């Protein structure tokens, strides 16, 4: 499973390569997929418009570092 910042048009979001409803995988995906979960600030969602957004990739990366326990728990 991998968690990373991803460009979503004019903003950046925190994403996971975990597929909702599938068993967790300890390994990150070998290539990026169009199917990914987004972090809402509280949980993971398959609805991209639910995502917590960031102005820069650095801000999204900082959020992941500071909140790694939360985002890695379910993603």
PDB file of N, CA and C in Angstrom:
ATOM      1  N   UNK A   1       0.830  -1.165   0.000  1.00  0.00           N
ATOM      2  CA  UNK A   1       0.000   0.000   0.000  1.00  0.00           C
ATOM      3  C   UNK A   1       0.877   1.231   0.000  1.00  0.00           C
ATOM      4  N   UNK A   2       0.540   2.203  -0.815  1.00  0.00           N
ATOM      5  CA  UNK A   2       1.273   3.445  -0.867  1.00  0.00           C
ATOM      6  C   UNK A   2       0.360   4.636  -0.666  1.00  0.00           C
ATOM      7  N   UNK A   3       0.869   5.635   0.032  1.00  0.00           N
ATOM      8  CA  UNK A   3       0.153   6.891   0.239  1.00  0.00           C
ATOM      9  C   UNK A   3       1.051   7.986  -0.308  1.00  0.00           C
ATOM     10  N   UNK A   4       0.475   8.887  -1.119  1.00  0.00           N
ATOM     11  CA  UNK A   4       1.276   9.934  -1.733  1.00  0.00           C
ATOM     12  C   UNK A   4       0.411  11.115  -2.120  1.00  0.00           C
ATOM     13  N   UNK A   5       1.079  12.239  -2.377  1.00  0.00           N
ATOM     14  CA  UNK A   5       0.390  13.416  -2.908  1.00  0.00           C
ATOM     15  C   UNK A   5       0.220  13.217  -4.414  1.00  0.00           C
ATOM     16  N   UNK A   6      -0.906  13.711  -4.919  1.00  0.00           N
ATOM     17  CA  UNK A   6      -1.190  13.532  -6.348  1.00  0.00           C
ATOM     18  C   UNK A   6      -1.819  14.807  -6.899  1.00  0.00           C
ATOM     19  N   UNK A   7      -1.420  15.184  -8.094  1.00  0.00           N
ATOM     20  CA  UNK A   7      -1.971  16.341  -8.792  1.00  0.00           C
ATOM     21  C   UNK A   7      -3.393  16.005  -9.232  1.00  0.00           C
ATOM     22  N   UNK A   8      -4.329  16.883  -8.859  1.00  0.00           N
ATOM     23  CA  UNK A   8      -5.722  16.678  -9.270  1.00  0.00           C
ATOM     24  C   UNK A   8      -6.234  17.985  -9.876  1.00  0.00           C
ATOM     25  N   UNK A   9      -5.608  18.377 -10.979  1.00  0.00           N
ATOM     26  CA  UNK A   9      -6.008  19.615 -11.646  1.00  0.00           C
ATOM     27  C   UNK A   9      -5.316  20.816 -11.030  1.00  0.00           C
ATOM     28  N   UNK A  10      -6.102  21.728 -10.450  1.00  0.00           N
ATOM     29  CA  UNK A  10      -5.555  22.943  -9.853  1.00  0.00           C
ATOM     30  C   UNK A  10      -5.087  22.752  -8.421  1.00  0.00           C
ATOM     31  N   UNK A  11      -5.330  21.597  -7.841  1.00  0.00           N
ATOM     32  CA  UNK A  11      -4.974  21.325  -6.449  1.00  0.00           C
ATOM     33  C   UNK A  11      -4.268  19.979  -6.341  1.00  0.00           C
ATOM     34  N   UNK A  12      -3.770  19.702  -5.152  1.00  0.00           N
ATOM     35  CA  UNK A  12      -3.148  18.417  -4.857  1.00  0.00           C
ATOM     36  C   UNK A  12      -3.958  17.726  -3.776  1.00  0.00           C
ATOM     37  N   UNK A  13      -3.968  16.396  -3.817  1.00  0.00           N
ATOM     38  CA  UNK A  13      -4.706  15.596  -2.850  1.00  0.00           C
ATOM     39  C   UNK A  13      -3.805  14.485  -2.324  1.00  0.00           C
ATOM     40  N   UNK A  14      -4.199  13.896  -1.208  1.00  0.00           N
ATOM     41  CA  UNK A  14      -3.495  12.741  -0.657  1.00  0.00           C
ATOM     42  C   UNK A  14      -4.228  11.507  -1.163  1.00  0.00           C
ATOM     43  N   UNK A  15      -3.486  10.575  -1.764  1.00  0.00           N
ATOM     44  CA  UNK A  15      -4.107   9.390  -2.345  1.00  0.00           C
ATOM     45  C   UNK A  15      -3.476   8.110  -1.818  1.00  0.00           C
ATOM     46  N   UNK A  16      -4.215   7.035  -1.994  1.00  0.00           N
ATOM     47  CA  UNK A  16      -3.735   5.700  -1.665  1.00  0.00           C
ATOM     48  C   UNK A  16      -3.996   4.800  -2.852  1.00  0.00           C
ATOM     49  N   UNK A  17      -3.088   3.855  -3.080  1.00  0.00           N
ATOM     50  CA  UNK A  17      -3.311   2.896  -4.165  1.00  0.00           C
ATOM     51  C   UNK A  17      -4.164   1.718  -3.694  1.00  0.00           C
ATOM     52  N   UNK A  18      -4.590   1.751  -2.440  1.00  0.00           N
ATOM     53  CA  UNK A  18      -5.485   0.718  -1.913  1.00  0.00           C
ATOM     54  C   UNK A  18      -6.835   0.835  -2.614  1.00  0.00           C
ATOM     55  N   UNK A  19      -7.418  -0.267  -2.989  1.00  0.00           N
ATOM     56  CA  UNK A  19      -8.733  -0.269  -3.621  1.00  0.00           C
ATOM     57  C   UNK A  19      -9.763  -0.566  -2.543  1.00  0.00           C
ATOM     58  N   UNK A  20     -10.755   0.304  -2.423  1.00  0.00           N
ATOM     59  CA  UNK A  20     -11.781   0.180  -1.399  1.00  0.00           C
ATOM     60  C   UNK A  20     -12.439  -1.187  -1.474  1.00  0.00           C
ATOM     61  N   UNK A  21     -12.498  -1.863  -0.336  1.00  0.00           N
ATOM     62  CA  UNK A  21     -13.127  -3.167  -0.273  1.00  0.00           C
ATOM     63  C   UNK A  21     -12.187  -4.341  -0.494  1.00  0.00           C
ATOM     64  N   UNK A  22     -10.956  -4.079  -0.943  1.00  0.00           N
ATOM     65  CA  UNK A  22      -9.989  -5.155  -1.140  1.00  0.00           C
ATOM     66  C   UNK A  22      -9.060  -5.250   0.064  1.00  0.00           C
ATOM     67  N   UNK A  23      -8.497  -6.411   0.249  1.00  0.00           N
ATOM     68  CA  UNK A  23      -7.568  -6.623   1.365  1.00  0.00           C
ATOM     69  C   UNK A  23      -6.356  -5.715   1.207  1.00  0.00           C
ATOM     70  N   UNK A  24      -5.801  -5.275   2.347  1.00  0.00           N
ATOM     71  CA  UNK A  24      -4.616  -4.426   2.317  1.00  0.00           C
ATOM     72  C   UNK A  24      -3.438  -5.190   1.753  1.00  0.00           C
ATOM     73  N   UNK A  25      -2.597  -4.474   1.044  1.00  0.00           N
ATOM     74  CA  UNK A  25      -1.386  -5.038   0.482  1.00  0.00           C
ATOM     75  C   UNK A  25      -0.222  -4.232   1.035  1.00  0.00           C
ATOM     76  N   UNK A  26       0.786  -4.875   1.535  1.00  0.00           N
ATOM     77  CA  UNK A  26       1.927  -4.182   2.142  1.00  0.00           C
ATOM     78  C   UNK A  26       2.806  -3.491   1.113  1.00  0.00           C
ATOM     79  N   UNK A  27       2.692  -3.847  -0.143  1.00  0.00           N
ATOM     80  CA  UNK A  27       3.529  -3.266  -1.185  1.00  0.00           C
ATOM     81  C   UNK A  27       2.790  -2.167  -1.932  1.00  0.00           C
ATOM     82  N   UNK A  28       3.537  -1.161  -2.334  1.00  0.00           N
ATOM     83  CA  UNK A  28       2.975  -0.108  -3.169  1.00  0.00           C
ATOM     84  C   UNK A  28       2.764  -0.658  -4.576  1.00  0.00           C
ATOM     85  N   UNK A  29       1.799  -0.103  -5.268  1.00  0.00           N
ATOM     86  CA  UNK A  29       1.525  -0.526  -6.641  1.00  0.00           C
ATOM     87  C   UNK A  29       2.734  -0.232  -7.522  1.00  0.00           C
ATOM     88  N   UNK A  30       2.951  -1.072  -8.519  1.00  0.00           N
ATOM     89  CA  UNK A  30       4.088  -0.882  -9.412  1.00  0.00           C
ATOM     90  C   UNK A  30       3.883   0.293 -10.358  1.00  0.00           C
ATOM     91  N   UNK A  31       2.640   0.599 -10.692  1.00  0.00           N
ATOM     92  CA  UNK A  31       2.366   1.765 -11.525  1.00  0.00           C
ATOM     93  C   UNK A  31       1.101   2.449 -11.016  1.00  0.00           C
ATOM     94  N   UNK A  32       0.998   3.741 -11.309  1.00  0.00           N
ATOM     95  CA  UNK A  32      -0.153   4.500 -10.839  1.00  0.00           C
ATOM     96  C   UNK A  32      -1.382   4.112 -11.648  1.00  0.00           C
ATOM     97  N   UNK A  33      -2.491   4.090 -10.976  1.00  0.00           N
ATOM     98  CA  UNK A  33      -3.743   3.704 -11.594  1.00  0.00           C
ATOM     99  C   UNK A  33      -4.693   4.894 -11.612  1.00  0.00           C
ATOM    100  N   UNK A  34      -5.678   4.845 -12.473  1.00  0.00           N
ATOM    101  CA  UNK A  34      -6.726   5.857 -12.475  1.00  0.00           C
ATOM    102  C   UNK A  34      -7.721   5.608 -11.347  1.00  0.00           C
ATOM    103  N   UNK A  35      -7.677   4.418 -10.761  1.00  0.00           N
ATOM    104  CA  UNK A  35      -8.535   4.076  -9.634  1.00  0.00           C
ATOM    105  C   UNK A  35      -7.731   4.243  -8.360  1.00  0.00           C
ATOM    106  N   UNK A  36      -8.109   5.214  -7.556  1.00  0.00           N
ATOM    107  CA  UNK A  36      -7.395   5.446  -6.310  1.00  0.00           C
ATOM    108  C   UNK A  36      -8.329   6.080  -5.294  1.00  0.00           C
ATOM    109  N   UNK A  37      -7.982   5.916  -4.035  1.00  0.00           N
ATOM    110  CA  UNK A  37      -8.744   6.519  -2.948  1.00  0.00           C
ATOM    111  C   UNK A  37      -8.150   7.881  -2.627  1.00  0.00           C
ATOM    112  N   UNK A  38      -8.989   8.792  -2.144  1.00  0.00           N
ATOM    113  CA  UNK A  38      -8.532  10.107  -1.708  1.00  0.00           C
ATOM    114  C   UNK A  38      -8.816  10.269  -0.220  1.00  0.00           C
ATOM    115  N   UNK A  39      -7.961  11.016   0.449  1.00  0.00           N
ATOM    116  CA  UNK A  39      -8.102  11.282   1.878  1.00  0.00           C
ATOM    117  C   UNK A  39      -9.008  12.501   2.064  1.00  0.00           C
ATOM    118  N   UNK A  40     -10.031  12.356   2.904  1.00  0.00           N
ATOM    119  CA  UNK A  40     -10.989  13.443   3.126  1.00  0.00           C
ATOM    120  C   UNK A  40     -10.598  14.335   4.295  1.00  0.00           C
ATOM    121  N   UNK A  41      -9.616  13.914   5.050  1.00  0.00           N
ATOM    122  CA  UNK A  41      -9.250  14.598   6.280  1.00  0.00           C
ATOM    123  C   UNK A  41      -9.621  13.761   7.488  1.00  0.00           C
ATOM    124  N   UNK A  42     -10.574  12.824   7.268  1.00  0.00           N
ATOM    125  CA  UNK A  42     -11.025  11.917   8.327  1.00  0.00           C
ATOM    126  C   UNK A  42     -10.936  10.451   7.931  1.00  0.00           C
ATOM    127  N   UNK A  43     -11.079  10.170   6.637  1.00  0.00           N
ATOM    128  CA  UNK A  43     -11.108   8.787   6.161  1.00  0.00           C
ATOM    129  C   UNK A  43     -10.820   8.766   4.663  1.00  0.00           C
ATOM    130  N   UNK A  44     -10.768   7.554   4.109  1.00  0.00           N
ATOM    131  CA  UNK A  44     -10.540   7.377   2.681  1.00  0.00           C
ATOM    132  C   UNK A  44     -11.867   7.306   1.948  1.00  0.00           C
ATOM    133  N   UNK A  45     -11.891   7.819   0.726  1.00  0.00           N
ATOM    134  CA  UNK A  45     -13.099   7.820  -0.098  1.00  0.00           C
ATOM    135  C   UNK A  45     -12.736   7.513  -1.543  1.00  0.00           C
ATOM    136  N   UNK A  46     -13.638   6.863  -2.235  1.00  0.00           N
ATOM    137  CA  UNK A  46     -13.436   6.611  -3.664  1.00  0.00           C
ATOM    138  C   UNK A  46     -14.006   7.758  -4.505  1.00  0.00           C
ATOM    139  N   UNK A  47     -14.616   8.750  -3.853  1.00  0.00           N
ATOM    140  CA  UNK A  47     -15.192   9.914  -4.544  1.00  0.00           C
ATOM    141  C   UNK A  47     -14.149  11.030  -4.545  1.00  0.00           C
ATOM    142  N   UNK A  48     -13.582  11.309  -5.699  1.00  0.00           N
ATOM    143  CA  UNK A  48     -12.468  12.264  -5.786  1.00  0.00           C
ATOM    144  C   UNK A  48     -12.834  13.660  -5.291  1.00  0.00           C
ATOM    145  N   UNK A  49     -14.094  14.071  -5.444  1.00  0.00           N
ATOM    146  CA  UNK A  49     -14.503  15.406  -4.998  1.00  0.00           C
ATOM    147  C   UNK A  49     -14.589  15.517  -3.477  1.00  0.00           C
ATOM    148  N   UNK A  50     -14.521  14.392  -2.760  1.00  0.00           N
ATOM    149  CA  UNK A  50     -14.523  14.411  -1.290  1.00  0.00           C
ATOM    150  C   UNK A  50     -13.148  14.745  -0.710  1.00  0.00           C
ATOM    151  N   UNK A  51     -12.128  14.808  -1.538  1.00  0.00           N
ATOM    152  CA  UNK A  51     -10.745  14.927  -1.080  1.00  0.00           C
ATOM    153  C   UNK A  51     -10.461  16.240  -0.367  1.00  0.00           C
ATOM    154  N   UNK A  52      -9.645  16.144   0.665  1.00  0.00           N
ATOM    155  CA  UNK A  52      -9.043  17.326   1.284  1.00  0.00           C
ATOM    156  C   UNK A  52      -8.017  17.819   0.276  1.00  0.00           C
ATOM    157  N   UNK A  53      -8.027  19.110  -0.031  1.00  0.00           N
ATOM    158  CA  UNK A  53      -7.142  19.636  -1.078  1.00  0.00           C
ATOM    159  C   UNK A  53      -6.052  20.533  -0.495  1.00  0.00           C
ATOM    160  N   UNK A  54      -4.977  20.654  -1.263  1.00  0.00           N
ATOM    161  CA  UNK A  54      -3.811  21.442  -0.884  1.00  0.00           C
ATOM    162  C   UNK A  54      -3.386  22.277  -2.079  1.00  0.00           C
ATOM    163  N   UNK A  55      -2.862  23.470  -1.800  1.00  0.00           N
ATOM    164  CA  UNK A  55      -2.426  24.378  -2.867  1.00  0.00           C
ATOM    165  C   UNK A  55      -1.157  23.899  -3.558  1.00  0.00           C
ATOM    166  N   UNK A  56      -0.276  23.220  -2.799  1.00  0.00           N
ATOM    167  CA  UNK A  56       1.011  22.786  -3.359  1.00  0.00           C
ATOM    168  C   UNK A  56       1.268  21.324  -3.002  1.00  0.00           C
ATOM    169  N   UNK A  57       2.129  20.691  -3.774  1.00  0.00           N
ATOM    170  CA  UNK A  57       2.515  19.313  -3.482  1.00  0.00           C
ATOM    171  C   UNK A  57       3.282  19.252  -2.162  1.00  0.00           C
ATOM    172  N   UNK A  58       4.033  20.299  -1.866  1.00  0.00           N
ATOM    173  CA  UNK A  58       4.779  20.344  -0.604  1.00  0.00           C
ATOM    174  C   UNK A  58       3.837  20.348   0.594  1.00  0.00           C
ATOM    175  N   UNK A  59       2.745  21.099   0.495  1.00  0.00           N
ATOM    176  CA  UNK A  59       1.762  21.144   1.587  1.00  0.00           C
ATOM    177  C   UNK A  59       1.117  19.778   1.778  1.00  0.00           C
ATOM    178  N   UNK A  60       0.807  19.088   0.684  1.00  0.00           N
ATOM    179  CA  UNK A  60       0.224  17.743   0.783  1.00  0.00           C
ATOM    180  C   UNK A  60       1.231  16.767   1.381  1.00  0.00           C
ATOM    181  N   UNK A  61       2.480  16.840   0.957  1.00  0.00           N
ATOM    182  CA  UNK A  61       3.525  15.968   1.515  1.00  0.00           C
ATOM    183  C   UNK A  61       3.730  16.227   3.002  1.00  0.00           C
ATOM    184  N   UNK A  62       3.721  17.510   3.396  1.00  0.00           N
ATOM    185  CA  UNK A  62       3.860  17.849   4.816  1.00  0.00           C
ATOM    186  C   UNK A  62       2.695  17.281   5.623  1.00  0.00           C
ATOM    187  N   UNK A  63       1.490  17.366   5.077  1.00  0.00           N
ATOM    188  CA  UNK A  63       0.311  16.821   5.752  1.00  0.00           C
ATOM    189  C   UNK A  63       0.473  15.318   5.969  1.00  0.00           C
ATOM    190  N   UNK A  64       0.952  14.618   4.953  1.00  0.00           N
ATOM    191  CA  UNK A  64       1.165  13.171   5.066  1.00  0.00           C
ATOM    192  C   UNK A  64       2.170  12.874   6.176  1.00  0.00           C
ATOM    193  N   UNK A  65       3.271  13.630   6.214  1.00  0.00           N
ATOM    194  CA  UNK A  65       4.294  13.403   7.252  1.00  0.00           C
ATOM    195  C   UNK A  65       3.730  13.633   8.654  1.00  0.00           C
ATOM    196  N   UNK A  66       3.044  14.751   8.842  1.00  0.00           N
ATOM    197  CA  UNK A  66       2.517  15.107  10.162  1.00  0.00           C
ATOM    198  C   UNK A  66       1.406  14.150  10.594  1.00  0.00           C
ATOM    199  N   UNK A  67       0.608  13.672   9.643  1.00  0.00           N
ATOM    200  CA  UNK A  67      -0.557  12.841   9.956  1.00  0.00           C
ATOM    201  C   UNK A  67      -0.381  11.392   9.506  1.00  0.00           C
ATOM    202  N   UNK A  68       0.853  10.938   9.414  1.00  0.00           N
ATOM    203  CA  UNK A  68       1.109   9.594   8.876  1.00  0.00           C
ATOM    204  C   UNK A  68       0.381   8.498   9.637  1.00  0.00           C
ATOM    205  N   UNK A  69       0.265   8.612  10.942  1.00  0.00           N
ATOM    206  CA  UNK A  69      -0.451   7.582  11.707  1.00  0.00           C
ATOM    207  C   UNK A  69      -1.892   7.461  11.273  1.00  0.00           C
ATOM    208  N   UNK A  70      -2.534   8.575  10.960  1.00  0.00           N
ATOM    209  CA  UNK A  70      -3.941   8.548  10.532  1.00  0.00           C
ATOM    210  C   UNK A  70      -4.095   8.058   9.105  1.00  0.00           C
ATOM    211  N   UNK A  71      -3.301   8.608   8.191  1.00  0.00           N
ATOM    212  CA  UNK A  71      -3.494   8.256   6.773  1.00  0.00           C
ATOM    213  C   UNK A  71      -3.018   6.845   6.459  1.00  0.00           C
ATOM    214  N   UNK A  72      -2.004   6.369   7.160  1.00  0.00           N
ATOM    215  CA  UNK A  72      -1.497   5.018   6.913  1.00  0.00           C
ATOM    216  C   UNK A  72      -2.349   3.952   7.584  1.00  0.00           C
ATOM    217  N   UNK A  73      -3.131   4.311   8.573  1.00  0.00           N
ATOM    218  CA  UNK A  73      -3.952   3.348   9.313  1.00  0.00           C
ATOM    219  C   UNK A  73      -4.985   2.682   8.405  1.00  0.00           C
ATOM    220  N   UNK A  74      -5.646   3.469   7.581  1.00  0.00           N
ATOM    221  CA  UNK A  74      -6.761   2.938   6.799  1.00  0.00           C
ATOM    222  C   UNK A  74      -6.485   2.872   5.301  1.00  0.00           C
ATOM    223  N   UNK A  75      -5.414   3.492   4.843  1.00  0.00           N
ATOM    224  CA  UNK A  75      -5.226   3.627   3.407  1.00  0.00           C
ATOM    225  C   UNK A  75      -4.581   2.482   2.730  1.00  0.00           C
TER     226      UNK A  75
END
